[in-house]
Amino acid sequence: MIEAWITVTLADGTVRREQWRLVTSLTDPARHPADRLMTQPL
């Protein structure tokens, strides 16, 4: 499980900060680093 705080600015200028959790079956951190998993668009 990867936990991260994500901050986004919405179109109306509102800033939201939320904690996200990602559960994955990817087990090779060299191939799939946690920071990249949390920032890649779906």
N, C-alpha and C. Protein backbone atom coordinates (compact mmCIF):
# COMPACT_ATOMS: atom_id res chain seq x y z
N MET A 1 0.85 -1.17 0.00
CA MET A 1 0.00 0.00 0.00
C MET A 1 0.90 1.23 0.00
N ILE A 2 0.50 2.21 -0.81
CA ILE A 2 1.20 3.48 -0.91
C ILE A 2 0.26 4.56 -0.40
N GLU A 3 0.77 5.42 0.48
CA GLU A 3 -0.03 6.54 0.98
C GLU A 3 0.64 7.84 0.56
N ALA A 4 -0.17 8.81 0.14
CA ALA A 4 0.38 10.10 -0.26
C ALA A 4 -0.66 11.18 -0.03
N TRP A 5 -0.17 12.39 0.24
CA TRP A 5 -1.05 13.56 0.31
C TRP A 5 -1.02 14.22 -1.05
N ILE A 6 -2.19 14.40 -1.64
CA ILE A 6 -2.32 14.98 -2.98
C ILE A 6 -2.97 16.36 -2.83
N THR A 7 -2.38 17.37 -3.46
CA THR A 7 -2.94 18.72 -3.47
C THR A 7 -3.30 19.07 -4.91
N VAL A 8 -4.54 19.49 -5.11
CA VAL A 8 -4.99 19.89 -6.45
C VAL A 8 -5.65 21.26 -6.36
N THR A 9 -5.54 22.00 -7.45
CA THR A 9 -6.23 23.29 -7.57
C THR A 9 -7.32 23.10 -8.62
N LEU A 10 -8.55 23.33 -8.21
CA LEU A 10 -9.70 23.16 -9.10
C LEU A 10 -9.85 24.36 -10.03
N ALA A 11 -10.66 24.22 -11.06
CA ALA A 11 -10.85 25.27 -12.06
C ALA A 11 -11.30 26.60 -11.44
N ASP A 12 -12.06 26.52 -10.34
CA ASP A 12 -12.54 27.76 -9.71
C ASP A 12 -11.54 28.35 -8.72
N GLY A 13 -10.33 27.77 -8.63
CA GLY A 13 -9.30 28.27 -7.74
C GLY A 13 -9.26 27.62 -6.37
N THR A 14 -10.27 26.81 -6.06
CA THR A 14 -10.30 26.09 -4.79
C THR A 14 -9.13 25.11 -4.72
N VAL A 15 -8.45 25.09 -3.58
CA VAL A 15 -7.35 24.16 -3.38
C VAL A 15 -7.83 23.06 -2.43
N ARG A 16 -7.63 21.82 -2.84
CA ARG A 16 -8.02 20.68 -1.99
C ARG A 16 -6.79 19.84 -1.72
N ARG A 17 -6.67 19.37 -0.49
CA ARG A 17 -5.58 18.48 -0.09
C ARG A 17 -6.21 17.27 0.57
N GLU A 18 -5.91 16.09 0.01
CA GLU A 18 -6.50 14.85 0.51
C GLU A 18 -5.45 13.76 0.59
N GLN A 19 -5.67 12.86 1.52
CA GLN A 19 -4.79 11.70 1.61
C GLN A 19 -5.36 10.60 0.72
N TRP A 20 -4.52 10.04 -0.12
CA TRP A 20 -4.92 8.95 -1.01
C TRP A 20 -4.12 7.71 -0.64
N ARG A 21 -4.74 6.57 -0.87
CA ARG A 21 -4.07 5.28 -0.68
C ARG A 21 -4.22 4.48 -1.96
N LEU A 22 -3.12 3.86 -2.36
CA LEU A 22 -3.12 3.02 -3.54
C LEU A 22 -2.68 1.63 -3.14
N VAL A 23 -3.50 0.66 -3.42
CA VAL A 23 -3.15 -0.73 -3.17
C VAL A 23 -2.86 -1.34 -4.54
N THR A 24 -1.70 -1.98 -4.66
CA THR A 24 -1.29 -2.53 -5.95
C THR A 24 -0.66 -3.90 -5.78
N SER A 25 -0.70 -4.65 -6.85
CA SER A 25 -0.02 -5.97 -6.86
C SER A 25 1.34 -5.87 -7.54
N LEU A 26 1.73 -4.67 -7.98
CA LEU A 26 3.04 -4.49 -8.59
C LEU A 26 4.10 -4.58 -7.50
N THR A 27 5.06 -5.45 -7.67
CA THR A 27 6.01 -5.73 -6.58
C THR A 27 7.45 -5.34 -6.89
N ASP A 28 7.73 -4.80 -8.06
CA ASP A 28 9.10 -4.43 -8.42
C ASP A 28 9.26 -2.92 -8.31
N PRO A 29 9.81 -2.41 -7.18
CA PRO A 29 9.91 -0.97 -6.99
C PRO A 29 10.86 -0.29 -7.98
N ALA A 30 11.80 -1.02 -8.55
CA ALA A 30 12.69 -0.41 -9.55
C ALA A 30 11.92 -0.14 -10.85
N ARG A 31 11.03 -1.04 -11.20
CA ARG A 31 10.24 -0.90 -12.42
C ARG A 31 9.01 -0.02 -12.23
N HIS A 32 8.44 -0.04 -11.02
CA HIS A 32 7.22 0.70 -10.71
C HIS A 32 7.40 1.49 -9.42
N PRO A 33 8.18 2.59 -9.43
CA PRO A 33 8.41 3.36 -8.20
C PRO A 33 7.12 4.00 -7.69
N ALA A 34 6.99 4.05 -6.39
CA ALA A 34 5.76 4.53 -5.74
C ALA A 34 5.39 5.94 -6.18
N ASP A 35 6.38 6.84 -6.29
CA ASP A 35 6.04 8.22 -6.68
C ASP A 35 5.46 8.29 -8.08
N ARG A 36 5.92 7.43 -8.97
CA ARG A 36 5.37 7.41 -10.33
C ARG A 36 3.97 6.81 -10.36
N LEU A 37 3.73 5.80 -9.56
CA LEU A 37 2.41 5.20 -9.50
C LEU A 37 1.36 6.19 -9.02
N MET A 38 1.73 7.04 -8.08
CA MET A 38 0.78 8.00 -7.52
C MET A 38 0.55 9.21 -8.43
N THR A 39 1.45 9.46 -9.39
CA THR A 39 1.31 10.67 -10.21
C THR A 39 0.91 10.39 -11.64
N GLN A 40 0.87 9.14 -12.07
CA GLN A 40 0.50 8.83 -13.45
C GLN A 40 -0.99 8.94 -13.63
N PRO A 41 -1.44 9.58 -14.71
CA PRO A 41 -2.88 9.62 -14.97
C PRO A 41 -3.42 8.23 -15.28
N LEU A 42 -4.68 8.01 -14.94
CA LEU A 42 -5.29 6.71 -15.22
C LEU A 42 -5.67 6.59 -16.67
